[in-house]
Amino acid sequence: MSGSTDGAAEVGVGPHPQPWPTDPRFDPELLAHGDRRNVIDRFRYWREDAIIADLDGHRHPFHVAIENWQHDLNIGTVVRNANAFLAAEVHIIGNRRWNRRGAMVTDRYQHVRAHPTLDGFAAWARASALPIVGIDLLPGSVSILEVELPRACVLLFGQEGPGLSADARAHCTFVAHIPQFGSTRSINAGVASGIAMHEWIRRHAAPRSEQA
């Protein structure tokens, strides 16, 4: 199952039975009234800042970036995917405003940073010693299934439609593509981001049961 709550009538749990747990991570309001948020069971009734602190203790060393020159509707999905795969941070390049609907409130738990320009973003990546890996189906790109994907890196996605801009490509260490087998020439950035992040997870992340 996907675990999606999209369109569900009710999710989560009701009020916590007495006696309440005394751990300071628990939120008295949620304990009293129930927790209907889209969070995993381990985080039920936890305060939002406590969840973020827990996630920050074991975020993965890959980042995700996406160009946003025309208010791309895929950005919410990219943020949601980044939360699901525990990316270190999401970087939005261009317009600061983005459509949060697709994020399904996961942006509360996912670090998101804005960069007004590509040059500014690239300077941040260089200062952080993070190679920029472009993800797009372009002439000269290499299959993401075959290329060596750095453990610490930034996965960069382009605007829906035109894909990675020429300026963005110039900042990439290399560009990788996701192999496709049907008639369409591309898949949207939301879908591509999930596939690329999962490929990083498949190579570099410990199974969930082995994580702290």
C-alpha atoms as a PDB file:
ATOM      1  CA  MET A   1       0.000   0.000   0.000  1.00  0.00           C
ATOM      2  CA  SER A   2       1.095   3.568  -0.575  1.00  0.00           C
ATOM      3  CA  GLY A   3      -0.069   4.798   2.811  1.00  0.00           C
ATOM      4  CA  SER A   4      -1.675   7.797   1.134  1.00  0.00           C
ATOM      5  CA  THR A   5      -4.297   9.727   3.060  1.00  0.00           C
ATOM      6  CA  ASP A   6      -5.430  11.765   0.055  1.00  0.00           C
ATOM      7  CA  GLY A   7      -9.216  12.053   0.224  1.00  0.00           C
ATOM      8  CA  ALA A   8      -9.542   9.894   3.341  1.00  0.00           C
ATOM      9  CA  ALA A   9     -12.471  10.787   5.589  1.00  0.00           C
ATOM     10  CA  GLU A  10     -10.443  10.523   8.787  1.00  0.00           C
ATOM     11  CA  VAL A  11      -6.908   9.497   9.660  1.00  0.00           C
ATOM     12  CA  GLY A  12      -4.884   9.184  12.822  1.00  0.00           C
ATOM     13  CA  VAL A  13      -6.034   8.484  16.354  1.00  0.00           C
ATOM     14  CA  GLY A  14      -8.467   9.929  18.879  1.00  0.00           C
ATOM     15  CA  PRO A  15      -7.765  11.255  22.378  1.00  0.00           C
ATOM     16  CA  HIS A  16      -5.083   9.370  24.294  1.00  0.00           C
ATOM     17  CA  PRO A  17      -6.419   7.280  27.199  1.00  0.00           C
ATOM     18  CA  GLN A  18      -5.469   8.292  30.716  1.00  0.00           C
ATOM     19  CA  PRO A  19      -2.949   8.304  32.265  1.00  0.00           C
ATOM     20  CA  TRP A  20      -1.094  10.400  29.704  1.00  0.00           C
ATOM     21  CA  PRO A  21       2.601   9.828  28.987  1.00  0.00           C
ATOM     22  CA  THR A  22       4.906  12.300  30.708  1.00  0.00           C
ATOM     23  CA  ASP A  23       7.557  12.468  27.977  1.00  0.00           C
ATOM     24  CA  PRO A  24       7.976  16.193  27.083  1.00  0.00           C
ATOM     25  CA  ARG A  25       7.814  15.348  23.373  1.00  0.00           C
ATOM     26  CA  PHE A  26       4.076  14.798  23.683  1.00  0.00           C
ATOM     27  CA  ASP A  27       1.665  17.648  22.997  1.00  0.00           C
ATOM     28  CA  PRO A  28      -1.078  18.036  25.663  1.00  0.00           C
ATOM     29  CA  GLU A  29      -3.536  19.374  23.071  1.00  0.00           C
ATOM     30  CA  LEU A  30      -3.056  16.337  20.841  1.00  0.00           C
ATOM     31  CA  LEU A  31      -3.266  13.967  23.783  1.00  0.00           C
ATOM     32  CA  ALA A  32      -6.563  15.562  24.771  1.00  0.00           C
ATOM     33  CA  HIS A  33      -8.203  15.886  21.364  1.00  0.00           C
ATOM     34  CA  GLY A  34      -6.527  13.279  19.173  1.00  0.00           C
ATOM     35  CA  ASP A  35      -3.908  13.382  16.421  1.00  0.00           C
ATOM     36  CA  ARG A  36      -5.252  13.432  12.856  1.00  0.00           C
ATOM     37  CA  ARG A  37      -1.993  14.488  11.181  1.00  0.00           C
ATOM     38  CA  ASN A  38      -0.360  12.594   8.332  1.00  0.00           C
ATOM     39  CA  VAL A  39       2.528  11.233  10.404  1.00  0.00           C
ATOM     40  CA  ILE A  40       3.835   7.752  11.096  1.00  0.00           C
ATOM     41  CA  ASP A  41       2.620   5.999  14.245  1.00  0.00           C
ATOM     42  CA  ARG A  42       5.862   6.597  16.131  1.00  0.00           C
ATOM     43  CA  PHE A  43       5.187  10.344  16.021  1.00  0.00           C
ATOM     44  CA  ARG A  44       1.570  10.214  17.163  1.00  0.00           C
ATOM     45  CA  TYR A  45       0.805  12.921  19.728  1.00  0.00           C
ATOM     46  CA  TRP A  46       4.309  14.411  19.421  1.00  0.00           C
ATOM     47  CA  ARG A  47       4.858  18.160  19.249  1.00  0.00           C
ATOM     48  CA  GLU A  48       5.852  19.412  15.805  1.00  0.00           C
ATOM     49  CA  ASP A  49       9.246  20.681  16.986  1.00  0.00           C
ATOM     50  CA  ALA A  50       9.938  17.308  18.626  1.00  0.00           C
ATOM     51  CA  ILE A  51       9.276  15.501  15.337  1.00  0.00           C
ATOM     52  CA  ILE A  52      11.606  17.861  13.461  1.00  0.00           C
ATOM     53  CA  ALA A  53      14.333  17.386  16.079  1.00  0.00           C
ATOM     54  CA  ASP A  54      14.035  13.611  15.787  1.00  0.00           C
ATOM     55  CA  LEU A  55      14.232  13.719  11.982  1.00  0.00           C
ATOM     56  CA  ASP A  56      17.196  16.093  12.133  1.00  0.00           C
ATOM     57  CA  GLY A  57      19.092  13.461  14.087  1.00  0.00           C
ATOM     58  CA  HIS A  58      19.297  11.115  11.093  1.00  0.00           C
ATOM     59  CA  ARG A  59      18.579  13.009   7.878  1.00  0.00           C
ATOM     60  CA  HIS A  60      20.355  11.708   4.788  1.00  0.00           C
ATOM     61  CA  PRO A  61      23.230  13.722   3.266  1.00  0.00           C
ATOM     62  CA  PHE A  62      21.543  14.330  -0.093  1.00  0.00           C
ATOM     63  CA  HIS A  63      19.710  17.552  -0.923  1.00  0.00           C
ATOM     64  CA  VAL A  64      17.046  18.233  -3.549  1.00  0.00           C
ATOM     65  CA  ALA A  65      16.729  21.392  -5.643  1.00  0.00           C
ATOM     66  CA  ILE A  66      14.189  22.526  -8.221  1.00  0.00           C
ATOM     67  CA  GLU A  67      13.960  25.546 -10.489  1.00  0.00           C
ATOM     68  CA  ASN A  68      10.855  27.665  -9.932  1.00  0.00           C
ATOM     69  CA  TRP A  69      10.569  30.420 -12.513  1.00  0.00           C
ATOM     70  CA  GLN A  70       6.848  29.937 -13.299  1.00  0.00           C
ATOM     71  CA  HIS A  71       5.386  28.682  -9.984  1.00  0.00           C
ATOM     72  CA  ASP A  72       5.815  24.998 -10.827  1.00  0.00           C
ATOM     73  CA  LEU A  73       2.928  22.943  -9.424  1.00  0.00           C
ATOM     74  CA  ASN A  74       5.258  19.944  -8.946  1.00  0.00           C
ATOM     75  CA  ILE A  75       7.189  21.540  -6.095  1.00  0.00           C
ATOM     76  CA  GLY A  76       4.732  20.380  -3.440  1.00  0.00           C
ATOM     77  CA  THR A  77       5.213  16.790  -4.592  1.00  0.00           C
ATOM     78  CA  VAL A  78       8.986  17.229  -4.588  1.00  0.00           C
ATOM     79  CA  VAL A  79       8.840  18.444  -0.980  1.00  0.00           C
ATOM     80  CA  ARG A  80       6.565  15.558   0.000  1.00  0.00           C
ATOM     81  CA  ASN A  81       8.974  13.069  -1.592  1.00  0.00           C
ATOM     82  CA  ALA A  82      11.939  14.723   0.135  1.00  0.00           C
ATOM     83  CA  ASN A  83      10.189  14.277   3.476  1.00  0.00           C
ATOM     84  CA  ALA A  84       9.377  10.630   2.705  1.00  0.00           C
ATOM     85  CA  PHE A  85      13.021   9.855   1.858  1.00  0.00           C
ATOM     86  CA  LEU A  86      14.418  12.132   4.614  1.00  0.00           C
ATOM     87  CA  ALA A  87      16.431  14.508   2.444  1.00  0.00           C
ATOM     88  CA  ALA A  88      18.616  16.999   4.258  1.00  0.00           C
ATOM     89  CA  GLU A  89      16.952  19.993   2.625  1.00  0.00           C
ATOM     90  CA  VAL A  90      14.919  21.154  -0.360  1.00  0.00           C
ATOM     91  CA  HIS A  91      16.185  24.167  -2.309  1.00  0.00           C
ATOM     92  CA  ILE A  92      13.804  26.243  -4.416  1.00  0.00           C
ATOM     93  CA  ILE A  93      15.615  28.311  -7.028  1.00  0.00           C
ATOM     94  CA  GLY A  94      13.894  31.385  -8.413  1.00  0.00           C
ATOM     95  CA  ASN A  95      10.491  32.465  -7.144  1.00  0.00           C
ATOM     96  CA  ARG A  96      10.225  32.121  -3.379  1.00  0.00           C
ATOM     97  CA  ARG A  97       6.486  31.405  -3.499  1.00  0.00           C
ATOM     98  CA  TRP A  98       5.374  27.894  -4.401  1.00  0.00           C
ATOM     99  CA  ASN A  99       2.144  25.893  -4.341  1.00  0.00           C
ATOM    100  CA  ARG A 100       2.129  23.985  -1.051  1.00  0.00           C
ATOM    101  CA  ARG A 101      -0.987  21.933  -1.723  1.00  0.00           C
ATOM    102  CA  GLY A 102       0.913  18.942  -3.090  1.00  0.00           C
ATOM    103  CA  ALA A 103       3.176  18.860  -0.055  1.00  0.00           C
ATOM    104  CA  MET A 104       0.271  17.609   2.103  1.00  0.00           C
ATOM    105  CA  VAL A 105       1.646  19.590   5.075  1.00  0.00           C
ATOM    106  CA  THR A 106       4.987  17.717   4.987  1.00  0.00           C
ATOM    107  CA  ASP A 107       6.745  21.074   4.548  1.00  0.00           C
ATOM    108  CA  ARG A 108       6.226  21.543   8.288  1.00  0.00           C
ATOM    109  CA  TYR A 109       8.792  18.809   8.885  1.00  0.00           C
ATOM    110  CA  GLN A 110      11.076  19.308   5.877  1.00  0.00           C
ATOM    111  CA  HIS A 111      13.731  22.029   5.732  1.00  0.00           C
ATOM    112  CA  VAL A 112      13.128  24.232   2.670  1.00  0.00           C
ATOM    113  CA  ARG A 113      15.496  27.003   1.568  1.00  0.00           C
ATOM    114  CA  ALA A 114      14.996  29.618  -1.146  1.00  0.00           C
ATOM    115  CA  HIS A 115      17.699  30.819  -3.545  1.00  0.00           C
ATOM    116  CA  PRO A 116      16.710  33.780  -5.749  1.00  0.00           C
ATOM    117  CA  THR A 117      19.325  32.934  -8.403  1.00  0.00           C
ATOM    118  CA  LEU A 118      21.072  29.897  -9.843  1.00  0.00           C
ATOM    119  CA  ASP A 119      24.456  31.493  -9.215  1.00  0.00           C
ATOM    120  CA  GLY A 120      23.597  31.919  -5.546  1.00  0.00           C
ATOM    121  CA  PHE A 121      22.446  28.311  -5.287  1.00  0.00           C
ATOM    122  CA  ALA A 122      25.590  27.061  -7.030  1.00  0.00           C
ATOM    123  CA  ALA A 123      27.788  29.125  -4.711  1.00  0.00           C
ATOM    124  CA  TRP A 124      26.040  27.551  -1.713  1.00  0.00           C
ATOM    125  CA  ALA A 125      26.596  24.044  -3.153  1.00  0.00           C
ATOM    126  CA  ARG A 126      30.309  24.727  -3.756  1.00  0.00           C
ATOM    127  CA  ALA A 127      30.756  26.103  -0.236  1.00  0.00           C
ATOM    128  CA  SER A 128      29.035  22.978   1.104  1.00  0.00           C
ATOM    129  CA  ALA A 129      31.237  20.666  -1.045  1.00  0.00           C
ATOM    130  CA  LEU A 130      28.142  19.173  -2.664  1.00  0.00           C
ATOM    131  CA  PRO A 131      28.273  18.163  -6.341  1.00  0.00           C
ATOM    132  CA  ILE A 132      25.159  19.137  -8.293  1.00  0.00           C
ATOM    133  CA  VAL A 133      23.596  16.203 -10.161  1.00  0.00           C
ATOM    134  CA  GLY A 134      21.095  17.316 -12.778  1.00  0.00           C
ATOM    135  CA  ILE A 135      18.162  14.981 -13.432  1.00  0.00           C
ATOM    136  CA  ASP A 136      16.765  15.311 -16.951  1.00  0.00           C
ATOM    137  CA  LEU A 137      16.455  13.316 -20.166  1.00  0.00           C
ATOM    138  CA  LEU A 138      18.888  15.272 -22.321  1.00  0.00           C
ATOM    139  CA  PRO A 139      21.393  14.467 -25.099  1.00  0.00           C
ATOM    140  CA  GLY A 140      24.596  13.357 -23.435  1.00  0.00           C
ATOM    141  CA  SER A 141      22.972  12.500 -20.099  1.00  0.00           C
ATOM    142  CA  VAL A 142      23.813   9.189 -18.423  1.00  0.00           C
ATOM    143  CA  SER A 143      21.422   6.617 -17.003  1.00  0.00           C
ATOM    144  CA  ILE A 144      20.861   7.118 -13.280  1.00  0.00           C
ATOM    145  CA  LEU A 145      20.900   3.319 -12.990  1.00  0.00           C
ATOM    146  CA  GLU A 146      24.475   3.125 -14.242  1.00  0.00           C
ATOM    147  CA  VAL A 147      26.212   6.287 -13.041  1.00  0.00           C
ATOM    148  CA  GLU A 148      28.006   6.588  -9.715  1.00  0.00           C
ATOM    149  CA  LEU A 149      25.637   8.634  -7.577  1.00  0.00           C
ATOM    150  CA  PRO A 150      27.518  10.556  -4.864  1.00  0.00           C
ATOM    151  CA  ARG A 151      26.424   9.972  -1.293  1.00  0.00           C
ATOM    152  CA  ALA A 152      26.564  13.684  -0.459  1.00  0.00           C
ATOM    153  CA  CYS A 153      25.106  15.643  -3.364  1.00  0.00           C
ATOM    154  CA  VAL A 154      22.269  17.823  -4.621  1.00  0.00           C
ATOM    155  CA  LEU A 155      19.733  16.338  -7.035  1.00  0.00           C
ATOM    156  CA  LEU A 156      18.634  19.222  -9.276  1.00  0.00           C
ATOM    157  CA  PHE A 157      15.370  19.210 -11.231  1.00  0.00           C
ATOM    158  CA  GLY A 158      14.195  21.690 -13.817  1.00  0.00           C
ATOM    159  CA  GLN A 159      10.960  23.546 -14.377  1.00  0.00           C
ATOM    160  CA  GLU A 160       8.047  21.441 -15.618  1.00  0.00           C
ATOM    161  CA  GLY A 161       7.978  21.629 -19.427  1.00  0.00           C
ATOM    162  CA  PRO A 162      11.374  23.055 -20.412  1.00  0.00           C
ATOM    163  CA  GLY A 163      13.289  20.941 -17.883  1.00  0.00           C
ATOM    164  CA  LEU A 164      16.706  22.011 -16.686  1.00  0.00           C
ATOM    165  CA  SER A 165      17.592  25.454 -17.973  1.00  0.00           C
ATOM    166  CA  ALA A 166      20.843  25.953 -19.861  1.00  0.00           C
ATOM    167  CA  ASP A 167      22.208  27.941 -16.925  1.00  0.00           C
ATOM    168  CA  ALA A 168      21.314  25.124 -14.528  1.00  0.00           C
ATOM    169  CA  ARG A 169      23.057  22.544 -16.712  1.00  0.00           C
ATOM    170  CA  ALA A 170      26.201  24.650 -16.670  1.00  0.00           C
ATOM    171  CA  HIS A 171      26.385  24.264 -12.886  1.00  0.00           C
ATOM    172  CA  CYS A 172      25.914  20.465 -12.899  1.00  0.00           C
ATOM    173  CA  THR A 173      28.760  18.031 -12.301  1.00  0.00           C
ATOM    174  CA  PHE A 174      26.839  15.715 -14.628  1.00  0.00           C
ATOM    175  CA  VAL A 175      23.264  15.152 -15.806  1.00  0.00           C
ATOM    176  CA  ALA A 176      21.561  11.802 -15.296  1.00  0.00           C
ATOM    177  CA  HIS A 177      18.311  10.579 -16.805  1.00  0.00           C
ATOM    178  CA  ILE A 178      15.688   8.076 -15.714  1.00  0.00           C
ATOM    179  CA  PRO A 179      15.303   5.386 -18.413  1.00  0.00           C
ATOM    180  CA  GLN A 180      11.836   5.347 -19.990  1.00  0.00           C
ATOM    181  CA  PHE A 181      10.169   2.741 -22.171  1.00  0.00           C
ATOM    182  CA  GLY A 182       6.899   4.212 -23.430  1.00  0.00           C
ATOM    183  CA  SER A 183       5.880   6.828 -25.973  1.00  0.00           C
ATOM    184  CA  THR A 184       6.073   9.959 -23.820  1.00  0.00           C
ATOM    185  CA  ARG A 185       9.245  12.038 -24.009  1.00  0.00           C
ATOM    186  CA  SER A 186       9.317  12.914 -20.336  1.00  0.00           C
ATOM    187  CA  ILE A 187       7.837  12.419 -16.871  1.00  0.00           C
ATOM    188  CA  ASN A 188       6.958  15.292 -14.582  1.00  0.00           C
ATOM    189  CA  ALA A 189       9.363  16.615 -11.972  1.00  0.00           C
ATOM    190  CA  GLY A 190       7.275  15.306  -9.085  1.00  0.00           C
ATOM    191  CA  VAL A 191       7.461  11.719 -10.340  1.00  0.00           C
ATOM    192  CA  ALA A 192      11.105  12.046 -11.417  1.00  0.00           C
ATOM    193  CA  SER A 193      12.129  13.352  -8.004  1.00  0.00           C
ATOM    194  CA  GLY A 194      10.616  10.347  -6.233  1.00  0.00           C
ATOM    195  CA  ILE A 195      12.383   7.897  -8.554  1.00  0.00           C
ATOM    196  CA  ALA A 196      15.745   9.674  -8.240  1.00  0.00           C
ATOM    197  CA  MET A 197      15.525   9.925  -4.457  1.00  0.00           C
ATOM    198  CA  HIS A 198      14.606   6.259  -4.171  1.00  0.00           C
ATOM    199  CA  GLU A 199      17.603   5.364  -6.320  1.00  0.00           C
ATOM    200  CA  TRP A 200      19.796   7.286  -3.871  1.00  0.00           C
ATOM    201  CA  ILE A 201      18.123   5.467  -0.960  1.00  0.00           C
ATOM    202  CA  ARG A 202      18.590   2.077  -2.633  1.00  0.00           C
ATOM    203  CA  ARG A 203      22.327   2.662  -2.864  1.00  0.00           C
ATOM    204  CA  HIS A 204      23.210   4.613   0.244  1.00  0.00           C
ATOM    205  CA  ALA A 205      20.624   4.233   3.022  1.00  0.00           C
ATOM    206  CA  ALA A 206      20.443   1.502   5.636  1.00  0.00           C
ATOM    207  CA  PRO A 207      17.187  -0.438   5.821  1.00  0.00           C
ATOM    208  CA  ARG A 208      14.676   1.261   8.095  1.00  0.00           C
ATOM    209  CA  SER A 209      14.996  -1.403  10.804  1.00  0.00           C
ATOM    210  CA  GLU A 210      18.718  -0.620  11.109  1.00  0.00           C
ATOM    211  CA  GLN A 211      18.290   3.125  11.472  1.00  0.00           C
ATOM    212  CA  ALA A 212      18.298   4.806  14.863  1.00  0.00           C
END
